[in-house]
C-alpha cells in the first residue's frame, strides 16, 4: 500500500527547538558561501527562520524535511563512529549529543 501525503507540521518543545536551531546554525556555517550547497543553505535558512519565529506549530516543506532528516542521520553516524574511537571524556560528550539527536530524529523525522 502506498503512503499518502505526509504531514510536515511539527510541534517542537523548547529543548528540541534549541537543538535544531544550533544544528541549523552549524550546518549554515559549514555550507555558507559555497555555490554547490545553495539549496541546502536556502532550506536551512528558512528552517532556522521558522524555528526562531516562536510559533507553536512549525510547517516545513518537503525539501526542508528531507534536508534536516538526512543531515541528522549523517551527524548521528559521525557521532557513532567517533564514540568508537574516542577516549572517556570525548565519548561522554559525543554520547550526549548522539542521544539528543537520535531522540529528535526518532520522534519527528523517522519515516
C-alpha atoms as a PDB file:
ATOM      1  CA  UNK A   1       0.000   0.000   0.000  1.00  0.00           C
ATOM      2  CA  UNK A   2       1.347   3.403  -0.977  1.00  0.00           C
ATOM      3  CA  UNK A   3       1.843   6.153   1.540  1.00  0.00           C
ATOM      4  CA  UNK A   4      -0.386   9.151   1.106  1.00  0.00           C
ATOM      5  CA  UNK A   5       0.584  12.707   1.695  1.00  0.00           C
ATOM      6  CA  UNK A   6       2.867  13.300   4.625  1.00  0.00           C
ATOM      7  CA  UNK A   7       2.165  15.912   7.273  1.00  0.00           C
ATOM      8  CA  UNK A   8       5.102  18.301   7.652  1.00  0.00           C
ATOM      9  CA  UNK A   9       3.677  20.193  10.628  1.00  0.00           C
ATOM     10  CA  UNK A  10       5.720  19.731  13.786  1.00  0.00           C
ATOM     11  CA  UNK A  11       5.377  20.861  17.369  1.00  0.00           C
ATOM     12  CA  UNK A  12       8.830  21.024  18.932  1.00  0.00           C
ATOM     13  CA  UNK A  13       9.347  21.583  22.626  1.00  0.00           C
ATOM     14  CA  UNK A  14      11.771  24.186  23.990  1.00  0.00           C
ATOM     15  CA  UNK A  15      14.824  21.895  24.107  1.00  0.00           C
ATOM     16  CA  UNK A  16      14.178  20.478  20.650  1.00  0.00           C
ATOM     17  CA  UNK A  17      13.929  23.998  19.251  1.00  0.00           C
ATOM     18  CA  UNK A  18      17.294  24.891  20.793  1.00  0.00           C
ATOM     19  CA  UNK A  19      18.949  21.735  19.459  1.00  0.00           C
ATOM     20  CA  UNK A  20      17.525  22.157  15.954  1.00  0.00           C
ATOM     21  CA  UNK A  21      18.422  25.847  15.926  1.00  0.00           C
ATOM     22  CA  UNK A  22      22.015  25.087  16.952  1.00  0.00           C
ATOM     23  CA  UNK A  23      22.163  22.282  14.396  1.00  0.00           C
ATOM     24  CA  UNK A  24      20.926  24.588  11.613  1.00  0.00           C
ATOM     25  CA  UNK A  25      23.478  27.253  12.542  1.00  0.00           C
ATOM     26  CA  UNK A  26      26.229  24.630  12.479  1.00  0.00           C
ATOM     27  CA  UNK A  27      25.220  23.431   9.016  1.00  0.00           C
ATOM     28  CA  UNK A  28      24.943  27.003   7.725  1.00  0.00           C
ATOM     29  CA  UNK A  29      28.464  27.791   8.926  1.00  0.00           C
ATOM     30  CA  UNK A  30      29.766  24.781   7.019  1.00  0.00           C
ATOM     31  CA  UNK A  31      27.973  25.402   3.722  1.00  0.00           C
ATOM     32  CA  UNK A  32      27.781  29.207   3.549  1.00  0.00           C
ATOM     33  CA  UNK A  33      29.425  30.774   0.549  1.00  0.00           C
ATOM     34  CA  UNK A  34      29.704  27.532  -1.422  1.00  0.00           C
ATOM     35  CA  UNK A  35      27.573  27.548  -4.589  1.00  0.00           C
ATOM     36  CA  UNK A  36      27.347  23.750  -4.627  1.00  0.00           C
ATOM     37  CA  UNK A  37      25.271  23.802  -1.455  1.00  0.00           C
ATOM     38  CA  UNK A  38      22.928  26.645  -2.376  1.00  0.00           C
ATOM     39  CA  UNK A  39      19.788  24.519  -1.991  1.00  0.00           C
ATOM     40  CA  UNK A  40      20.905  23.225   1.387  1.00  0.00           C
ATOM     41  CA  UNK A  41      21.742  26.725   2.563  1.00  0.00           C
ATOM     42  CA  UNK A  42      18.366  28.035   1.429  1.00  0.00           C
ATOM     43  CA  UNK A  43      16.498  25.174   3.123  1.00  0.00           C
ATOM     44  CA  UNK A  44      18.331  25.574   6.425  1.00  0.00           C
ATOM     45  CA  UNK A  45      17.953  29.375   6.395  1.00  0.00           C
ATOM     46  CA  UNK A  46      14.187  29.083   6.019  1.00  0.00           C
ATOM     47  CA  UNK A  47      14.089  26.294   8.623  1.00  0.00           C
ATOM     48  CA  UNK A  48      16.030  28.454  11.080  1.00  0.00           C
ATOM     49  CA  UNK A  49      13.659  31.362  10.459  1.00  0.00           C
ATOM     50  CA  UNK A  50      10.656  29.126  11.118  1.00  0.00           C
ATOM     51  CA  UNK A  51      12.147  27.668  14.302  1.00  0.00           C
ATOM     52  CA  UNK A  52      13.124  31.101  15.652  1.00  0.00           C
ATOM     53  CA  UNK A  53       9.756  32.676  14.791  1.00  0.00           C
ATOM     54  CA  UNK A  54       8.276  31.372  18.045  1.00  0.00           C
ATOM     55  CA  UNK A  55       5.160  29.849  16.516  1.00  0.00           C
ATOM     56  CA  UNK A  56       3.904  26.732  18.226  1.00  0.00           C
ATOM     57  CA  UNK A  57       3.495  24.700  15.042  1.00  0.00           C
ATOM     58  CA  UNK A  58       6.356  24.678  12.552  1.00  0.00           C
ATOM     59  CA  UNK A  59       5.317  23.945   8.965  1.00  0.00           C
ATOM     60  CA  UNK A  60       8.163  22.528   6.886  1.00  0.00           C
ATOM     61  CA  UNK A  61       8.397  21.987   3.171  1.00  0.00           C
ATOM     62  CA  UNK A  62       9.358  18.611   1.778  1.00  0.00           C
ATOM     63  CA  UNK A  63      12.821  19.918   0.868  1.00  0.00           C
ATOM     64  CA  UNK A  64      13.434  21.209   4.393  1.00  0.00           C
ATOM     65  CA  UNK A  65      12.207  17.960   5.896  1.00  0.00           C
ATOM     66  CA  UNK A  66      14.451  15.837   3.672  1.00  0.00           C
ATOM     67  CA  UNK A  67      17.485  18.069   4.255  1.00  0.00           C
ATOM     68  CA  UNK A  68      17.236  18.054   8.022  1.00  0.00           C
ATOM     69  CA  UNK A  69      16.490  14.340   8.244  1.00  0.00           C
ATOM     70  CA  UNK A  70      19.468  13.458   6.013  1.00  0.00           C
ATOM     71  CA  UNK A  71      21.816  15.762   7.902  1.00  0.00           C
ATOM     72  CA  UNK A  72      20.633  14.408  11.255  1.00  0.00           C
ATOM     73  CA  UNK A  73      21.254  10.849  10.043  1.00  0.00           C
ATOM     74  CA  UNK A  74      24.738  11.680   8.819  1.00  0.00           C
ATOM     75  CA  UNK A  75      25.530  13.506  12.058  1.00  0.00           C
ATOM     76  CA  UNK A  76      24.361  10.518  14.099  1.00  0.00           C
ATOM     77  CA  UNK A  77      26.580   8.202  12.015  1.00  0.00           C
ATOM     78  CA  UNK A  78      29.528  10.553  12.596  1.00  0.00           C
ATOM     79  CA  UNK A  79      28.982  10.534  16.359  1.00  0.00           C
ATOM     80  CA  UNK A  80      28.659   6.743  16.402  1.00  0.00           C
ATOM     81  CA  UNK A  81      31.994   6.415  14.608  1.00  0.00           C
ATOM     82  CA  UNK A  82      33.657   8.939  16.904  1.00  0.00           C
ATOM     83  CA  UNK A  83      32.342   7.190  20.024  1.00  0.00           C
ATOM     84  CA  UNK A  84      34.136   4.018  18.955  1.00  0.00           C
ATOM     85  CA  UNK A  85      37.452   5.868  18.586  1.00  0.00           C
ATOM     86  CA  UNK A  86      37.298   8.395  21.426  1.00  0.00           C
ATOM     87  CA  UNK A  87      38.544   8.307  24.991  1.00  0.00           C
ATOM     88  CA  UNK A  88      36.380   8.737  28.064  1.00  0.00           C
ATOM     89  CA  UNK A  89      35.610  12.484  28.108  1.00  0.00           C
ATOM     90  CA  UNK A  90      35.066  12.829  24.361  1.00  0.00           C
ATOM     91  CA  UNK A  91      32.964   9.662  24.366  1.00  0.00           C
ATOM     92  CA  UNK A  92      30.812  11.097  27.132  1.00  0.00           C
ATOM     93  CA  UNK A  93      30.287  14.331  25.165  1.00  0.00           C
ATOM     94  CA  UNK A  94      29.536  12.523  21.909  1.00  0.00           C
ATOM     95  CA  UNK A  95      27.089  10.148  23.599  1.00  0.00           C
ATOM     96  CA  UNK A  96      25.177  13.101  24.980  1.00  0.00           C
ATOM     97  CA  UNK A  97      24.896  14.688  21.530  1.00  0.00           C
ATOM     98  CA  UNK A  98      24.037  11.366  19.916  1.00  0.00           C
ATOM     99  CA  UNK A  99      21.188  10.669  22.338  1.00  0.00           C
ATOM    100  CA  UNK A 100      19.744  14.148  21.841  1.00  0.00           C
ATOM    101  CA  UNK A 101      19.920  13.962  18.046  1.00  0.00           C
ATOM    102  CA  UNK A 102      18.558  10.425  17.925  1.00  0.00           C
ATOM    103  CA  UNK A 103      15.647  11.369  20.203  1.00  0.00           C
ATOM    104  CA  UNK A 104      14.712  14.247  17.889  1.00  0.00           C
ATOM    105  CA  UNK A 105      15.151  12.084  14.807  1.00  0.00           C
ATOM    106  CA  UNK A 106      13.107   9.183  16.195  1.00  0.00           C
ATOM    107  CA  UNK A 107      10.318  11.410  17.456  1.00  0.00           C
ATOM    108  CA  UNK A 108       9.857  13.656  14.418  1.00  0.00           C
ATOM    109  CA  UNK A 109      11.839  12.676  11.324  1.00  0.00           C
ATOM    110  CA  UNK A 110      11.858   8.878  11.224  1.00  0.00           C
ATOM    111  CA  UNK A 111       9.857   7.580   8.291  1.00  0.00           C
END
